[in-house]
N, C-alpha and C. Protein backbone atom coordinates (compact mmCIF):
# COMPACT_ATOMS: atom_id res chain seq x y z
N UNK A 1 1.16 -0.77 0.09
CA UNK A 1 0.21 -0.11 0.09
C UNK A 1 0.94 1.30 -0.11
N UNK A 2 0.46 2.41 -0.68
CA UNK A 2 1.03 3.03 -0.80
C UNK A 2 1.17 3.88 0.32
N UNK A 3 2.17 5.05 0.91
CA UNK A 3 2.22 5.74 2.26
C UNK A 3 0.84 6.85 1.81
N UNK A 4 1.67 7.84 0.38
CA UNK A 4 0.60 8.49 -0.05
C UNK A 4 -0.06 8.66 -1.30
N UNK A 5 -1.23 9.00 -1.08
CA UNK A 5 -2.06 8.77 -2.49
C UNK A 5 -2.34 9.60 -3.02
N UNK A 6 -1.02 9.51 -3.93
CA UNK A 6 -1.10 10.81 -4.83
C UNK A 6 -2.27 10.61 -5.90
N UNK A 7 -2.69 11.54 -6.52
CA UNK A 7 -3.66 11.70 -7.65
C UNK A 7 -2.32 11.47 -9.17
N UNK A 8 -3.08 10.95 -9.93
CA UNK A 8 -2.36 10.29 -11.02
C UNK A 8 -1.97 11.29 -11.71
N UNK A 9 -2.49 12.58 -11.69
CA UNK A 9 -2.20 14.10 -13.12
C UNK A 9 -0.89 14.54 -12.18
N UNK A 10 -0.35 14.27 -10.86
CA UNK A 10 0.49 14.94 -10.32
C UNK A 10 1.63 13.69 -10.42
N UNK A 11 1.50 12.28 -10.69
CA UNK A 11 2.59 11.84 -10.82
C UNK A 11 2.98 11.59 -12.06
N UNK A 12 1.95 12.17 -13.04
CA UNK A 12 2.69 12.19 -14.58
C UNK A 12 3.06 13.32 -14.82
N UNK A 13 2.69 14.48 -13.94
CA UNK A 13 3.43 15.64 -14.12
C UNK A 13 4.61 15.43 -13.86
N UNK A 14 4.88 15.05 -12.26
CA UNK A 14 6.42 14.89 -11.95
C UNK A 14 7.37 13.83 -13.20
N UNK A 15 6.51 12.90 -13.25
CA UNK A 15 7.31 12.06 -14.94
C UNK A 15 7.82 13.28 -15.79
N UNK A 16 6.93 13.21 -16.21
CA UNK A 16 7.31 14.88 -16.92
C UNK A 16 8.26 15.62 -16.96
N UNK A 17 8.42 16.12 -15.81
CA UNK A 17 9.40 16.91 -15.32
C UNK A 17 10.60 16.24 -15.47
N UNK A 18 10.59 15.00 -14.82
CA UNK A 18 11.73 14.45 -15.27
C UNK A 18 12.74 14.21 -16.15
N UNK A 19 11.85 13.78 -17.20
CA UNK A 19 11.94 13.07 -18.80
C UNK A 19 12.36 14.78 -19.36
N UNK A 20 11.88 16.21 -19.23
CA UNK A 20 12.55 17.30 -19.84
C UNK A 20 13.30 17.73 -19.05
N UNK A 21 13.92 17.39 -17.83
CA UNK A 21 15.03 17.52 -16.82
C UNK A 21 16.08 16.96 -17.71
N UNK A 22 16.16 15.74 -17.83
CA UNK A 22 16.92 14.79 -18.37
C UNK A 22 17.32 15.29 -19.90
N UNK A 23 16.52 15.63 -21.14
CA UNK A 23 16.52 16.07 -22.19
C UNK A 23 17.55 16.96 -21.85
N UNK A 24 17.08 18.11 -21.00
CA UNK A 24 18.12 19.17 -21.30
C UNK A 24 19.47 19.02 -20.34
N UNK A 25 19.30 17.88 -19.95
CA UNK A 25 20.92 17.56 -19.32
C UNK A 25 21.76 16.81 -20.57
N UNK A 26 21.18 16.13 -21.35
CA UNK A 26 21.91 15.52 -22.53
C UNK A 26 23.03 16.83 -23.22
N UNK A 27 23.67 16.53 -23.48
CA UNK A 27 24.95 16.87 -24.25
C UNK A 27 24.10 17.67 -25.58
N UNK A 28 24.17 19.05 -25.57
CA UNK A 28 23.62 19.52 -26.69
C UNK A 28 22.58 19.30 -27.01
N UNK A 29 21.45 19.67 -26.17
CA UNK A 29 19.90 19.38 -26.49
C UNK A 29 19.73 20.61 -27.65
N UNK A 30 18.77 19.64 -28.56
CA UNK A 30 17.94 20.82 -29.45
C UNK A 30 16.91 21.07 -28.65
N UNK A 31 16.18 22.33 -29.09
CA UNK A 31 14.86 23.09 -28.70
C UNK A 31 15.12 23.00 -27.10
N UNK A 32 16.17 23.86 -26.88
CA UNK A 32 16.38 24.17 -25.52
C UNK A 32 15.54 25.03 -24.89
N UNK A 33 14.80 25.92 -25.41
CA UNK A 33 13.71 26.92 -25.22
C UNK A 33 12.18 26.44 -25.25
N UNK A 34 12.25 25.36 -25.78
CA UNK A 34 10.81 24.84 -25.45
C UNK A 34 10.85 23.69 -24.62
N UNK A 35 11.95 22.96 -24.47
CA UNK A 35 12.11 22.36 -23.28
C UNK A 35 12.32 22.94 -21.72
N UNK A 36 12.50 23.91 -21.80
CA UNK A 36 12.80 25.07 -20.62
C UNK A 36 11.66 25.69 -20.21
N UNK A 37 10.99 25.79 -20.99
CA UNK A 37 9.43 26.19 -20.56
C UNK A 37 8.38 25.15 -20.22
N UNK A 38 8.91 23.82 -21.12
CA UNK A 38 8.29 22.50 -20.42
C UNK A 38 8.62 22.38 -18.94
N UNK A 39 9.53 22.35 -18.78
CA UNK A 39 10.39 22.37 -17.28
C UNK A 39 9.80 23.22 -16.75
N UNK A 40 9.17 24.17 -17.00
CA UNK A 40 9.00 25.46 -15.86
C UNK A 40 7.41 25.33 -15.64
N UNK A 41 6.78 24.75 -16.84
CA UNK A 41 5.12 24.30 -16.68
C UNK A 41 5.25 23.69 -16.20
N UNK A 42 5.68 22.18 -15.72
CA UNK A 42 5.22 21.03 -15.12
C UNK A 42 6.28 21.47 -13.63
N UNK A 43 6.96 22.16 -13.47
CA UNK A 43 7.27 22.77 -11.76
C UNK A 43 6.08 23.71 -11.21
N UNK A 44 5.08 24.31 -12.18
CA UNK A 44 4.18 25.14 -11.59
C UNK A 44 3.11 24.04 -11.35
N UNK A 45 2.84 23.23 -12.60
CA UNK A 45 1.99 22.42 -12.24
C UNK A 45 1.89 21.41 -10.98
N UNK A 46 3.26 20.97 -10.76
CA UNK A 46 3.56 20.15 -9.31
C UNK A 46 3.76 20.78 -8.00
N UNK A 47 4.15 22.51 -8.20
CA UNK A 47 4.21 22.99 -7.14
C UNK A 47 2.93 23.67 -6.57
N UNK A 48 1.94 23.88 -7.55
CA UNK A 48 0.48 24.59 -6.93
C UNK A 48 -0.45 22.76 -7.42
N UNK A 49 -0.21 22.13 -7.24
CA UNK A 49 -1.30 20.62 -7.53
C UNK A 49 -2.21 20.51 -6.15
N UNK A 50 -3.12 21.01 -5.94
CA UNK A 50 -4.38 21.04 -4.75
C UNK A 50 -3.64 19.47 -4.00
N UNK A 51 -3.28 18.62 -4.24
CA UNK A 51 -2.90 17.22 -3.31
C UNK A 51 -1.84 18.17 -2.26
N UNK A 52 -1.23 18.73 -2.57
CA UNK A 52 -0.37 19.84 -1.48
C UNK A 52 -1.08 20.55 -0.16
N UNK A 53 -2.37 20.81 -0.49
CA UNK A 53 -3.31 21.69 0.78
C UNK A 53 -3.91 20.33 1.24
N UNK A 54 -3.68 18.90 0.98
CA UNK A 54 -4.73 17.98 2.11
C UNK A 54 -3.47 17.29 2.81
N UNK A 55 -4.36 16.85 4.13
CA UNK A 55 -2.97 16.13 4.97
C UNK A 55 -2.35 15.75 4.68
N UNK A 56 -2.14 14.32 3.61
CA UNK A 56 -1.11 13.82 3.21
C UNK A 56 0.04 14.19 2.47
N UNK A 57 -0.52 15.68 2.14
CA UNK A 57 0.46 16.59 1.47
C UNK A 57 1.17 17.28 2.17
N UNK A 58 0.97 17.40 3.24
CA UNK A 58 1.36 18.93 4.19
C UNK A 58 3.26 18.40 4.42
N UNK A 59 3.18 16.86 4.14
CA UNK A 59 4.41 16.29 4.74
C UNK A 59 5.54 16.88 3.72
N UNK A 60 6.73 17.03 4.10
CA UNK A 60 7.77 17.29 3.26
C UNK A 60 8.08 15.83 2.98
N UNK A 61 7.64 14.94 3.63
CA UNK A 61 8.26 13.80 3.14
C UNK A 61 7.30 13.18 2.06
N UNK A 62 6.22 13.96 1.55
CA UNK A 62 5.44 13.07 0.51
C UNK A 62 5.92 13.70 -0.83
N UNK A 63 6.97 15.24 -0.68
CA UNK A 63 7.43 15.44 -1.91
C UNK A 63 8.40 14.67 -2.47
N UNK A 64 9.65 14.37 -1.13
CA UNK A 64 10.75 13.36 -1.62
C UNK A 64 9.86 11.93 -2.02
N UNK A 65 9.08 11.66 -1.52
CA UNK A 65 8.59 10.08 -2.08
C UNK A 65 7.85 10.48 -3.36
N UNK A 66 7.38 11.31 -3.84
CA UNK A 66 6.90 11.29 -5.15
C UNK A 66 8.38 11.47 -6.14
N UNK A 67 9.36 12.31 -5.43
CA UNK A 67 10.36 12.31 -6.87
C UNK A 67 10.83 11.13 -6.74
N UNK A 68 11.22 10.17 -5.70
CA UNK A 68 11.75 8.87 -5.62
C UNK A 68 10.59 7.84 -6.31
N UNK A 69 9.41 8.28 -6.35
CA UNK A 69 8.29 7.08 -6.63
C UNK A 69 8.68 7.45 -8.68
N UNK A 70 9.06 8.51 -8.90
CA UNK A 70 8.62 8.63 -10.22
C UNK A 70 10.35 8.77 -11.24
N UNK A 71 11.43 8.81 -10.37
CA UNK A 71 12.54 8.71 -10.76
C UNK A 71 12.61 8.06 -11.96
N UNK A 72 12.18 6.91 -11.90
CA UNK A 72 12.21 5.90 -13.24
C UNK A 72 13.57 4.70 -12.77
N UNK A 73 13.98 4.68 -11.74
CA UNK A 73 15.29 4.15 -11.19
C UNK A 73 16.90 4.71 -11.71
N UNK A 74 16.39 5.98 -11.70
CA UNK A 74 17.67 6.79 -11.36
C UNK A 74 18.23 6.46 -9.98
N UNK A 75 17.35 6.41 -8.73
CA UNK A 75 18.46 6.35 -7.45
C UNK A 75 18.73 5.07 -7.84
N UNK A 76 18.23 4.02 -8.22
CA UNK A 76 19.27 2.45 -8.21
C UNK A 76 20.76 2.72 -8.94
N UNK A 77 20.58 3.61 -10.04
CA UNK A 77 22.05 3.91 -10.73
C UNK A 77 22.55 4.45 -9.68
N UNK A 78 22.08 5.71 -9.19
CA UNK A 78 23.48 6.65 -8.05
C UNK A 78 23.86 5.40 -6.93
N UNK A 79 23.11 4.80 -6.80
CA UNK A 79 23.43 3.66 -5.37
C UNK A 79 24.74 2.84 -6.15
């Protein structure tokens, strides 16, 4: 059972944020302005999502868990 009941749209926004960030981190990325705008848009959607106003979302651990959940195995590569 999940400790935090994240809504699907919040999970998808965080996954898109990770994808945009990885695309910008690639050597010599193309369409940099578009990717930066996408990253900014996803950041705003995540930051102002209504979930953070619920009791489950008040915990700073919820934000950490969302990033961990959506990182796509990046944590395992770093270890």
